[in-house]
Structures are given as C-alpha cells and as structure tokens.
C-alpha cells in the first residue's frame, strides 16, 4: 500500500496518485515537487512498478536533502533509477515491511 505521507529530512511530503504527473511530459511516472512538498505518482500502474517509482522519488528527495547535487547531464537520473531498482528488489525480496505497523 502506498502511504499518503512520507517524511524525508524532516519534511513531510503528501503522496498523490494522479492521472497526469507533469502536464509538459506524458512519459513521466513520478515526480517529487520540493516547493509543494508532494510526490506525484501516476495512477493505473502495476503495484511493484508503482512502489519502485515511489522509491525512485524518495531517493531524489534524500539526495536533495543531503545537498548531493553535483551531477552532470543525466547522471543523477541514471544513478537514481539504478539505485531505486536495486533497493526495491532488496526491500521486496527480504520483506522489509516488518518494521511498519500493520505489515503482513
């Protein structure tokens, strides 16, 4: 289940499931909006992929909070995508939901 709120670096972000993440780009499945304190995730995607997209956006939030922003071109997006994929696999395959209230 996708949470309604996520805290990153002490800032609470609202997670919104939306039909359109970015009106300027239909190919975006998720986006973290720092100024609006929200993470927008496209509706209608599979559960695993939706979770992976959320992890991807959380990683962007962590990098921003830690002021890790000395990337060239698409380096940040490449790193975040690879790291999100790997982290999603580790969390899913090792049932890291045990630390969450109500985890199965």
PDB file of N, CA and C in Angstrom:
ATOM      1  N   UNK A   1       0.834  -1.187   0.000  1.00  0.00           N
ATOM      2  CA  UNK A   1       0.000   0.000   0.000  1.00  0.00           C
ATOM      3  C   UNK A   1       0.878   1.250   0.000  1.00  0.00           C
ATOM      4  N   UNK A   2       0.526   2.201  -0.816  1.00  0.00           N
ATOM      5  CA  UNK A   2       1.278   3.443  -0.923  1.00  0.00           C
ATOM      6  C   UNK A   2       0.833   4.378   0.210  1.00  0.00           C
ATOM      7  N   UNK A   3       1.786   4.892   0.996  1.00  0.00           N
ATOM      8  CA  UNK A   3       1.409   5.789   2.092  1.00  0.00           C
ATOM      9  C   UNK A   3       0.919   7.141   1.572  1.00  0.00           C
ATOM     10  N   UNK A   4       0.110   7.812   2.361  1.00  0.00           N
ATOM     11  CA  UNK A   4      -0.387   9.137   1.995  1.00  0.00           C
ATOM     12  C   UNK A   4       0.632  10.229   2.286  1.00  0.00           C
ATOM     13  N   UNK A   5       1.528   9.979   3.242  1.00  0.00           N
ATOM     14  CA  UNK A   5       2.551  10.951   3.641  1.00  0.00           C
ATOM     15  C   UNK A   5       3.881  10.227   3.821  1.00  0.00           C
ATOM     16  N   UNK A   6       4.962  10.923   3.482  1.00  0.00           N
ATOM     17  CA  UNK A   6       6.312  10.404   3.684  1.00  0.00           C
ATOM     18  C   UNK A   6       7.179  11.560   4.161  1.00  0.00           C
ATOM     19  N   UNK A   7       7.965  11.326   5.220  1.00  0.00           N
ATOM     20  CA  UNK A   7       8.898  12.340   5.693  1.00  0.00           C
ATOM     21  C   UNK A   7      10.282  12.044   5.134  1.00  0.00           C
ATOM     22  N   UNK A   8      10.892  13.085   4.584  1.00  0.00           N
ATOM     23  CA  UNK A   8      12.255  12.998   4.070  1.00  0.00           C
ATOM     24  C   UNK A   8      13.010  14.187   4.639  1.00  0.00           C
ATOM     25  N   UNK A   9      14.030  13.931   5.429  1.00  0.00           N
ATOM     26  CA  UNK A   9      14.815  15.013   6.009  1.00  0.00           C
ATOM     27  C   UNK A   9      13.990  15.945   6.871  1.00  0.00           C
ATOM     28  N   UNK A  10      12.993  15.402   7.551  1.00  0.00           N
ATOM     29  CA  UNK A  10      12.163  16.202   8.435  1.00  0.00           C
ATOM     30  C   UNK A  10      11.044  16.954   7.743  1.00  0.00           C
ATOM     31  N   UNK A  11      10.945  16.827   6.438  1.00  0.00           N
ATOM     32  CA  UNK A  11       9.882  17.494   5.676  1.00  0.00           C
ATOM     33  C   UNK A  11       8.853  16.454   5.274  1.00  0.00           C
ATOM     34  N   UNK A  12       7.593  16.750   5.546  1.00  0.00           N
ATOM     35  CA  UNK A  12       6.524  15.823   5.202  1.00  0.00           C
ATOM     36  C   UNK A  12       6.016  16.103   3.788  1.00  0.00           C
ATOM     37  N   UNK A  13       6.038  15.062   2.962  1.00  0.00           N
ATOM     38  CA  UNK A  13       5.545  15.138   1.593  1.00  0.00           C
ATOM     39  C   UNK A  13       4.234  14.374   1.494  1.00  0.00           C
ATOM     40  N   UNK A  14       3.253  14.953   0.822  1.00  0.00           N
ATOM     41  CA  UNK A  14       1.999  14.269   0.536  1.00  0.00           C
ATOM     42  C   UNK A  14       2.206  13.456  -0.729  1.00  0.00           C
ATOM     43  N   UNK A  15       1.785  12.198  -0.699  1.00  0.00           N
ATOM     44  CA  UNK A  15       1.880  11.341  -1.881  1.00  0.00           C
ATOM     45  C   UNK A  15       0.527  11.381  -2.574  1.00  0.00           C
ATOM     46  N   UNK A  16       0.527  11.819  -3.830  1.00  0.00           N
ATOM     47  CA  UNK A  16      -0.711  11.950  -4.587  1.00  0.00           C
ATOM     48  C   UNK A  16      -0.684  11.017  -5.795  1.00  0.00           C
ATOM     49  N   UNK A  17      -1.730  10.226  -5.929  1.00  0.00           N
ATOM     50  CA  UNK A  17      -1.909   9.389  -7.104  1.00  0.00           C
ATOM     51  C   UNK A  17      -2.695  10.224  -8.111  1.00  0.00           C
ATOM     52  N   UNK A  18      -2.114  10.452  -9.282  1.00  0.00           N
ATOM     53  CA  UNK A  18      -2.693  11.383 -10.250  1.00  0.00           C
ATOM     54  C   UNK A  18      -2.777  10.749 -11.642  1.00  0.00           C
ATOM     55  N   UNK A  19      -3.653  11.307 -12.463  1.00  0.00           N
ATOM     56  CA  UNK A  19      -3.761  10.850 -13.853  1.00  0.00           C
ATOM     57  C   UNK A  19      -2.587  11.339 -14.684  1.00  0.00           C
ATOM     58  N   UNK A  20      -2.128  12.548 -14.390  1.00  0.00           N
ATOM     59  CA  UNK A  20      -1.035  13.158 -15.141  1.00  0.00           C
ATOM     60  C   UNK A  20      -0.029  13.754 -14.167  1.00  0.00           C
ATOM     61  N   UNK A  21       1.195  13.254 -14.216  1.00  0.00           N
ATOM     62  CA  UNK A  21       2.245  13.698 -13.286  1.00  0.00           C
ATOM     63  C   UNK A  21       2.771  15.067 -13.672  1.00  0.00           C
ATOM     64  N   UNK A  22       3.008  15.263 -14.961  1.00  0.00           N
ATOM     65  CA  UNK A  22       3.576  16.521 -15.464  1.00  0.00           C
ATOM     66  C   UNK A  22       2.866  16.876 -16.758  1.00  0.00           C
ATOM     67  N   UNK A  23       2.194  18.007 -16.765  1.00  0.00           N
ATOM     68  CA  UNK A  23       1.423  18.402 -17.955  1.00  0.00           C
ATOM     69  C   UNK A  23       2.300  18.630 -19.178  1.00  0.00           C
ATOM     70  N   UNK A  24       3.605  18.824 -18.978  1.00  0.00           N
ATOM     71  CA  UNK A  24       4.531  19.052 -20.090  1.00  0.00           C
ATOM     72  C   UNK A  24       5.182  17.779 -20.618  1.00  0.00           C
ATOM     73  N   UNK A  25       5.000  16.656 -19.903  1.00  0.00           N
ATOM     74  CA  UNK A  25       5.646  15.408 -20.313  1.00  0.00           C
ATOM     75  C   UNK A  25       4.781  14.225 -19.899  1.00  0.00           C
ATOM     76  N   UNK A  26       4.151  13.569 -20.853  1.00  0.00           N
ATOM     77  CA  UNK A  26       3.271  12.426 -20.568  1.00  0.00           C
ATOM     78  C   UNK A  26       4.028  11.151 -20.236  1.00  0.00           C
ATOM     79  N   UNK A  27       5.355  11.145 -20.412  1.00  0.00           N
ATOM     80  CA  UNK A  27       6.147   9.940 -20.180  1.00  0.00           C
ATOM     81  C   UNK A  27       6.690   9.832 -18.756  1.00  0.00           C
ATOM     82  N   UNK A  28       6.303  10.734 -17.881  1.00  0.00           N
ATOM     83  CA  UNK A  28       6.806  10.722 -16.507  1.00  0.00           C
ATOM     84  C   UNK A  28       5.827   9.950 -15.625  1.00  0.00           C
ATOM     85  N   UNK A  29       6.366   8.984 -14.868  1.00  0.00           N
ATOM     86  CA  UNK A  29       5.536   8.154 -13.994  1.00  0.00           C
ATOM     87  C   UNK A  29       5.518   8.660 -12.555  1.00  0.00           C
ATOM     88  N   UNK A  30       6.480   9.500 -12.180  1.00  0.00           N
ATOM     89  CA  UNK A  30       6.534  10.039 -10.830  1.00  0.00           C
ATOM     90  C   UNK A  30       7.383  11.288 -10.795  1.00  0.00           C
ATOM     91  N   UNK A  31       7.114  12.124  -9.788  1.00  0.00           N
ATOM     92  CA  UNK A  31       7.873  13.370  -9.659  1.00  0.00           C
ATOM     93  C   UNK A  31       7.760  13.866  -8.230  1.00  0.00           C
ATOM     94  N   UNK A  32       8.887  14.314  -7.667  1.00  0.00           N
ATOM     95  CA  UNK A  32       8.857  14.946  -6.362  1.00  0.00           C
ATOM     96  C   UNK A  32       8.886  16.453  -6.581  1.00  0.00           C
ATOM     97  N   UNK A  33       7.945  17.142  -5.978  1.00  0.00           N
ATOM     98  CA  UNK A  33       7.836  18.593  -6.086  1.00  0.00           C
ATOM     99  C   UNK A  33       8.244  19.180  -4.741  1.00  0.00           C
ATOM    100  N   UNK A  34       9.471  19.648  -4.650  1.00  0.00           N
ATOM    101  CA  UNK A  34      10.016  20.115  -3.383  1.00  0.00           C
ATOM    102  C   UNK A  34       9.261  21.322  -2.839  1.00  0.00           C
ATOM    103  N   UNK A  35       8.943  22.286  -3.693  1.00  0.00           N
ATOM    104  CA  UNK A  35       8.278  23.507  -3.234  1.00  0.00           C
ATOM    105  C   UNK A  35       6.845  23.276  -2.770  1.00  0.00           C
ATOM    106  N   UNK A  36       6.193  22.269  -3.327  1.00  0.00           N
ATOM    107  CA  UNK A  36       4.810  21.954  -2.929  1.00  0.00           C
ATOM    108  C   UNK A  36       4.750  20.820  -1.910  1.00  0.00           C
ATOM    109  N   UNK A  37       5.911  20.278  -1.577  1.00  0.00           N
ATOM    110  CA  UNK A  37       6.026  19.175  -0.622  1.00  0.00           C
ATOM    111  C   UNK A  37       5.083  18.032  -0.984  1.00  0.00           C
ATOM    112  N   UNK A  38       5.196  17.590  -2.243  1.00  0.00           N
ATOM    113  CA  UNK A  38       4.380  16.463  -2.673  1.00  0.00           C
ATOM    114  C   UNK A  38       5.152  15.571  -3.631  1.00  0.00           C
ATOM    115  N   UNK A  39       4.745  14.317  -3.628  1.00  0.00           N
ATOM    116  CA  UNK A  39       5.267  13.332  -4.572  1.00  0.00           C
ATOM    117  C   UNK A  39       4.071  12.897  -5.401  1.00  0.00           C
ATOM    118  N   UNK A  40       4.190  13.065  -6.701  1.00  0.00           N
ATOM    119  CA  UNK A  40       3.098  12.725  -7.610  1.00  0.00           C
ATOM    120  C   UNK A  40       3.432  11.411  -8.318  1.00  0.00           C
ATOM    121  N   UNK A  41       2.508  10.459  -8.253  1.00  0.00           N
ATOM    122  CA  UNK A  41       2.699   9.144  -8.864  1.00  0.00           C
ATOM    123  C   UNK A  41       1.522   8.891  -9.803  1.00  0.00           C
ATOM    124  N   UNK A  42       1.829   8.405 -11.004  1.00  0.00           N
ATOM    125  CA  UNK A  42       0.782   8.133 -11.995  1.00  0.00           C
ATOM    126  C   UNK A  42      -0.096   6.967 -11.547  1.00  0.00           C
ATOM    127  N   UNK A  43      -1.394   7.151 -11.678  1.00  0.00           N
ATOM    128  CA  UNK A  43      -2.365   6.095 -11.375  1.00  0.00           C
ATOM    129  C   UNK A  43      -2.319   5.007 -12.440  1.00  0.00           C
ATOM    130  N   UNK A  44      -2.791   3.825 -12.066  1.00  0.00           N
ATOM    131  CA  UNK A  44      -3.037   2.763 -13.046  1.00  0.00           C
ATOM    132  C   UNK A  44      -1.846   1.899 -13.401  1.00  0.00           C
ATOM    133  N   UNK A  45      -0.743   2.061 -12.713  1.00  0.00           N
ATOM    134  CA  UNK A  45       0.422   1.222 -12.985  1.00  0.00           C
ATOM    135  C   UNK A  45       0.368   0.004 -12.071  1.00  0.00           C
ATOM    136  N   UNK A  46       1.125  -1.029 -12.387  1.00  0.00           N
ATOM    137  CA  UNK A  46       1.183  -2.216 -11.549  1.00  0.00           C
ATOM    138  C   UNK A  46       1.744  -1.888 -10.175  1.00  0.00           C
ATOM    139  N   UNK A  47       1.403  -2.728  -9.180  1.00  0.00           N
ATOM    140  CA  UNK A  47       1.808  -2.480  -7.790  1.00  0.00           C
ATOM    141  C   UNK A  47       3.324  -2.393  -7.637  1.00  0.00           C
ATOM    142  N   UNK A  48       4.049  -3.373  -8.142  1.00  0.00           N
ATOM    143  CA  UNK A  48       5.507  -3.376  -7.993  1.00  0.00           C
ATOM    144  C   UNK A  48       6.142  -2.157  -8.647  1.00  0.00           C
ATOM    145  N   UNK A  49       5.682  -1.833  -9.846  1.00  0.00           N
ATOM    146  CA  UNK A  49       6.255  -0.685 -10.557  1.00  0.00           C
ATOM    147  C   UNK A  49       5.925   0.620  -9.831  1.00  0.00           C
ATOM    148  N   UNK A  50       4.713   0.731  -9.304  1.00  0.00           N
ATOM    149  CA  UNK A  50       4.317   1.927  -8.555  1.00  0.00           C
ATOM    150  C   UNK A  50       5.218   2.112  -7.339  1.00  0.00           C
ATOM    151  N   UNK A  51       5.485   1.032  -6.614  1.00  0.00           N
ATOM    152  CA  UNK A  51       6.368   1.101  -5.442  1.00  0.00           C
ATOM    153  C   UNK A  51       7.771   1.506  -5.869  1.00  0.00           C
ATOM    154  N   UNK A  52       8.253   0.943  -6.965  1.00  0.00           N
ATOM    155  CA  UNK A  52       9.588   1.284  -7.454  1.00  0.00           C
ATOM    156  C   UNK A  52       9.661   2.761  -7.831  1.00  0.00           C
ATOM    157  N   UNK A  53       8.618   3.293  -8.443  1.00  0.00           N
ATOM    158  CA  UNK A  53       8.579   4.721  -8.799  1.00  0.00           C
ATOM    159  C   UNK A  53       8.606   5.573  -7.531  1.00  0.00           C
ATOM    160  N   UNK A  54       7.854   5.176  -6.520  1.00  0.00           N
ATOM    161  CA  UNK A  54       7.856   5.914  -5.256  1.00  0.00           C
ATOM    162  C   UNK A  54       9.254   5.899  -4.630  1.00  0.00           C
ATOM    163  N   UNK A  55       9.908   4.756  -4.611  1.00  0.00           N
ATOM    164  CA  UNK A  55      11.280   4.661  -4.089  1.00  0.00           C
ATOM    165  C   UNK A  55      12.205   5.590  -4.877  1.00  0.00           C
ATOM    166  N   UNK A  56      12.045   5.618  -6.178  1.00  0.00           N
ATOM    167  CA  UNK A  56      12.831   6.488  -7.054  1.00  0.00           C
ATOM    168  C   UNK A  56      12.692   7.946  -6.612  1.00  0.00           C
ATOM    169  N   UNK A  57      11.464   8.377  -6.381  1.00  0.00           N
ATOM    170  CA  UNK A  57      11.229   9.769  -5.986  1.00  0.00           C
ATOM    171  C   UNK A  57      11.744  10.047  -4.577  1.00  0.00           C
ATOM    172  N   UNK A  58      11.651   9.074  -3.682  1.00  0.00           N
ATOM    173  CA  UNK A  58      12.200   9.222  -2.336  1.00  0.00           C
ATOM    174  C   UNK A  58      13.718   9.419  -2.404  1.00  0.00           C
ATOM    175  N   UNK A  59      14.381   8.663  -3.268  1.00  0.00           N
ATOM    176  CA  UNK A  59      15.838   8.809  -3.428  1.00  0.00           C
ATOM    177  C   UNK A  59      16.175  10.216  -3.916  1.00  0.00           C
ATOM    178  N   UNK A  60      15.394  10.752  -4.870  1.00  0.00           N
ATOM    179  CA  UNK A  60      15.612  12.142  -5.294  1.00  0.00           C
ATOM    180  C   UNK A  60      15.492  13.080  -4.090  1.00  0.00           C
ATOM    181  N   UNK A  61      14.503  12.839  -3.236  1.00  0.00           N
ATOM    182  CA  UNK A  61      14.311  13.664  -2.051  1.00  0.00           C
ATOM    183  C   UNK A  61      15.481  13.585  -1.087  1.00  0.00           C
ATOM    184  N   UNK A  62      15.986  12.381  -0.881  1.00  0.00           N
ATOM    185  CA  UNK A  62      17.134  12.194   0.014  1.00  0.00           C
ATOM    186  C   UNK A  62      18.363  12.913  -0.540  1.00  0.00           C
ATOM    187  N   UNK A  63      18.615  12.759  -1.828  1.00  0.00           N
ATOM    188  CA  UNK A  63      19.772  13.418  -2.440  1.00  0.00           C
ATOM    189  C   UNK A  63      19.654  14.931  -2.325  1.00  0.00           C
ATOM    190  N   UNK A  64      18.461  15.457  -2.535  1.00  0.00           N
ATOM    191  CA  UNK A  64      18.238  16.898  -2.428  1.00  0.00           C
ATOM    192  C   UNK A  64      18.450  17.357  -0.982  1.00  0.00           C
ATOM    193  N   UNK A  65      17.920  16.605  -0.032  1.00  0.00           N
ATOM    194  CA  UNK A  65      18.055  16.957   1.384  1.00  0.00           C
ATOM    195  C   UNK A  65      19.527  16.945   1.813  1.00  0.00           C
ATOM    196  N   UNK A  66      20.276  15.994   1.285  1.00  0.00           N
ATOM    197  CA  UNK A  66      21.695  15.869   1.644  1.00  0.00           C
ATOM    198  C   UNK A  66      22.584  16.787   0.806  1.00  0.00           C
ATOM    199  N   UNK A  67      21.985  17.576  -0.054  1.00  0.00           N
ATOM    200  CA  UNK A  67      22.674  18.503  -0.949  1.00  0.00           C
ATOM    201  C   UNK A  67      23.719  17.778  -1.795  1.00  0.00           C
ATOM    202  N   UNK A  68      23.306  16.627  -2.293  1.00  0.00           N
ATOM    203  CA  UNK A  68      24.155  15.881  -3.228  1.00  0.00           C
ATOM    204  C   UNK A  68      23.613  16.198  -4.616  1.00  0.00           C
ATOM    205  N   UNK A  69      24.169  17.238  -5.221  1.00  0.00           N
ATOM    206  CA  UNK A  69      23.615  17.707  -6.481  1.00  0.00           C
ATOM    207  C   UNK A  69      24.677  18.133  -7.498  1.00  0.00           C
ATOM    208  N   UNK A  70      25.832  17.537  -7.423  1.00  0.00           N
ATOM    209  CA  UNK A  70      26.888  17.870  -8.381  1.00  0.00           C
ATOM    210  C   UNK A  70      26.931  16.844  -9.503  1.00  0.00           C
ATOM    211  N   UNK A  71      25.822  16.751 -10.211  1.00  0.00           N
ATOM    212  CA  UNK A  71      25.684  15.774 -11.284  1.00  0.00           C
ATOM    213  C   UNK A  71      25.829  16.475 -12.629  1.00  0.00           C
ATOM    214  N   UNK A  72      26.326  15.766 -13.593  1.00  0.00           N
ATOM    215  CA  UNK A  72      26.431  16.270 -14.959  1.00  0.00           C
ATOM    216  C   UNK A  72      25.338  15.645 -15.817  1.00  0.00           C
ATOM    217  N   UNK A  73      24.648  16.428 -16.593  1.00  0.00           N
ATOM    218  CA  UNK A  73      23.639  15.906 -17.524  1.00  0.00           C
ATOM    219  C   UNK A  73      22.615  15.018 -16.835  1.00  0.00           C
ATOM    220  N   UNK A  74      22.499  13.790 -17.324  1.00  0.00           N
ATOM    221  CA  UNK A  74      21.529  12.829 -16.803  1.00  0.00           C
ATOM    222  C   UNK A  74      22.117  11.885 -15.752  1.00  0.00           C
ATOM    223  N   UNK A  75      23.292  12.218 -15.202  1.00  0.00           N
ATOM    224  CA  UNK A  75      23.939  11.329 -14.230  1.00  0.00           C
ATOM    225  C   UNK A  75      23.055  11.051 -13.021  1.00  0.00           C
ATOM    226  N   UNK A  76      22.398  12.079 -12.486  1.00  0.00           N
ATOM    227  CA  UNK A  76      21.554  11.866 -11.306  1.00  0.00           C
ATOM    228  C   UNK A  76      20.415  10.908 -11.635  1.00  0.00           C
ATOM    229  N   UNK A  77      19.739  11.137 -12.748  1.00  0.00           N
ATOM    230  CA  UNK A  77      18.603  10.280 -13.110  1.00  0.00           C
ATOM    231  C   UNK A  77      19.054   8.839 -13.333  1.00  0.00           C
ATOM    232  N   UNK A  78      20.211   8.657 -13.955  1.00  0.00           N
ATOM    233  CA  UNK A  78      20.754   7.301 -14.160  1.00  0.00           C
ATOM    234  C   UNK A  78      21.052   6.630 -12.825  1.00  0.00           C
ATOM    235  N   UNK A  79      21.721   7.348 -11.931  1.00  0.00           N
ATOM    236  CA  UNK A  79      22.041   6.802 -10.615  1.00  0.00           C
ATOM    237  C   UNK A  79      20.768   6.454  -9.852  1.00  0.00           C
ATOM    238  N   UNK A  80      19.828   7.390  -9.795  1.00  0.00           N
ATOM    239  CA  UNK A  80      18.595   7.186  -9.031  1.00  0.00           C
ATOM    240  C   UNK A  80      17.817   5.998  -9.579  1.00  0.00           C
ATOM    241  N   UNK A  81      17.715   5.880 -10.887  1.00  0.00           N
ATOM    242  CA  UNK A  81      16.961   4.773 -11.485  1.00  0.00           C
ATOM    243  C   UNK A  81      17.587   3.425 -11.138  1.00  0.00           C
ATOM    244  N   UNK A  82      18.898   3.319 -11.257  1.00  0.00           N
ATOM    245  CA  UNK A  82      19.582   2.061 -10.923  1.00  0.00           C
ATOM    246  C   UNK A  82      19.477   1.749  -9.437  1.00  0.00           C
ATOM    247  N   UNK A  83      19.682   2.757  -8.600  1.00  0.00           N
ATOM    248  CA  UNK A  83      19.624   2.555  -7.154  1.00  0.00           C
ATOM    249  C   UNK A  83      18.205   2.205  -6.714  1.00  0.00           C
ATOM    250  N   UNK A  84      17.202   2.860  -7.270  1.00  0.00           N
ATOM    251  CA  UNK A  84      15.802   2.570  -6.925  1.00  0.00           C
ATOM    252  C   UNK A  84      15.433   1.143  -7.300  1.00  0.00           C
ATOM    253  N   UNK A  85      15.872   0.703  -8.453  1.00  0.00           N
ATOM    254  CA  UNK A  85      15.585  -0.662  -8.888  1.00  0.00           C
ATOM    255  C   UNK A  85      16.212  -1.670  -7.921  1.00  0.00           C
ATOM    256  N   UNK A  86      17.471  -1.429  -7.565  1.00  0.00           N
ATOM    257  CA  UNK A  86      18.173  -2.342  -6.657  1.00  0.00           C
ATOM    258  C   UNK A  86      17.561  -2.311  -5.253  1.00  0.00           C
ATOM    259  N   UNK A  87      17.250  -1.126  -4.747  1.00  0.00           N
ATOM    260  CA  UNK A  87      16.672  -1.012  -3.411  1.00  0.00           C
ATOM    261  C   UNK A  87      15.284  -1.640  -3.353  1.00  0.00           C
ATOM    262  N   UNK A  88      14.493  -1.446  -4.383  1.00  0.00           N
ATOM    263  CA  UNK A  88      13.165  -2.069  -4.445  1.00  0.00           C
ATOM    264  C   UNK A  88      13.301  -3.582  -4.351  1.00  0.00           C
ATOM    265  N   UNK A  89      14.236  -4.147  -5.080  1.00  0.00           N
ATOM    266  CA  UNK A  89      14.447  -5.599  -5.068  1.00  0.00           C
ATOM    267  C   UNK A  89      14.851  -6.077  -3.686  1.00  0.00           C
ATOM    268  N   UNK A  90      15.775  -5.380  -3.034  1.00  0.00           N
ATOM    269  CA  UNK A  90      16.224  -5.787  -1.702  1.00  0.00           C
ATOM    270  C   UNK A  90      15.076  -5.704  -0.695  1.00  0.00           C
ATOM    271  N   UNK A  91      14.347  -4.604  -0.704  1.00  0.00           N
ATOM    272  CA  UNK A  91      13.241  -4.435   0.240  1.00  0.00           C
ATOM    273  C   UNK A  91      12.146  -5.473   0.016  1.00  0.00           C
ATOM    274  N   UNK A  92      11.812  -5.730  -1.233  1.00  0.00           N
ATOM    275  CA  UNK A  92      10.750  -6.694  -1.544  1.00  0.00           C
ATOM    276  C   UNK A  92      11.175  -8.126  -1.233  1.00  0.00           C
ATOM    277  N   UNK A  93      12.337  -8.512  -1.694  1.00  0.00           N
ATOM    278  CA  UNK A  93      12.787  -9.898  -1.531  1.00  0.00           C
ATOM    279  C   UNK A  93      13.114 -10.259  -0.090  1.00  0.00           C
ATOM    280  N   UNK A  94      13.352  -9.261   0.738  1.00  0.00           N
ATOM    281  CA  UNK A  94      13.703  -9.517   2.130  1.00  0.00           C
ATOM    282  C   UNK A  94      12.615  -9.068   3.103  1.00  0.00           C
ATOM    283  N   UNK A  95      11.442  -8.793   2.596  1.00  0.00           N
ATOM    284  CA  UNK A  95      10.261  -8.460   3.399  1.00  0.00           C
ATOM    285  C   UNK A  95      10.554  -7.403   4.460  1.00  0.00           C
ATOM    286  N   UNK A  96      11.037  -6.266   4.031  1.00  0.00           N
ATOM    287  CA  UNK A  96      11.341  -5.185   4.951  1.00  0.00           C
ATOM    288  C   UNK A  96      10.104  -4.454   5.444  1.00  0.00           C
ATOM    289  N   UNK A  97       8.932  -5.007   5.171  1.00  0.00           N
ATOM    290  CA  UNK A  97       7.709  -4.399   5.679  1.00  0.00           C
ATOM    291  C   UNK A  97       7.478  -4.741   7.145  1.00  0.00           C
ATOM    292  N   UNK A  98       8.371  -5.543   7.756  1.00  0.00           N
ATOM    293  CA  UNK A  98       8.196  -5.962   9.148  1.00  0.00           C
ATOM    294  C   UNK A  98       8.261  -4.795  10.124  1.00  0.00           C
ATOM    295  N   UNK A  99       8.911  -3.696   9.765  1.00  0.00           N
ATOM    296  CA  UNK A  99       9.054  -2.589  10.693  1.00  0.00           C
ATOM    297  C   UNK A  99       7.910  -1.583  10.590  1.00  0.00           C
ATOM    298  N   UNK A 100       6.966  -1.838   9.728  1.00  0.00           N
ATOM    299  CA  UNK A 100       5.832  -0.941   9.530  1.00  0.00           C
ATOM    300  C   UNK A 100       4.635  -1.466  10.295  1.00  0.00           C
ATOM    301  N   UNK A 101       3.919  -0.602  10.975  1.00  0.00           N
ATOM    302  CA  UNK A 101       2.695  -1.019  11.659  1.00  0.00           C
ATOM    303  C   UNK A 101       1.746  -1.604  10.641  1.00  0.00           C
ATOM    304  N   UNK A 102       1.200  -2.748  10.968  1.00  0.00           N
ATOM    305  CA  UNK A 102       0.240  -3.382  10.074  1.00  0.00           C
ATOM    306  C   UNK A 102       0.868  -4.165   8.942  1.00  0.00           C
ATOM    307  N   UNK A 103       2.220  -4.281   8.908  1.00  0.00           N
ATOM    308  CA  UNK A 103       2.882  -5.058   7.873  1.00  0.00           C
ATOM    309  C   UNK A 103       2.452  -6.508   7.951  1.00  0.00           C
ATOM    310  N   UNK A 104       2.290  -7.132   6.783  1.00  0.00           N
ATOM    311  CA  UNK A 104       1.829  -8.530   6.738  1.00  0.00           C
ATOM    312  C   UNK A 104       2.941  -9.491   7.068  1.00  0.00           C
TER     313      UNK A 104
END
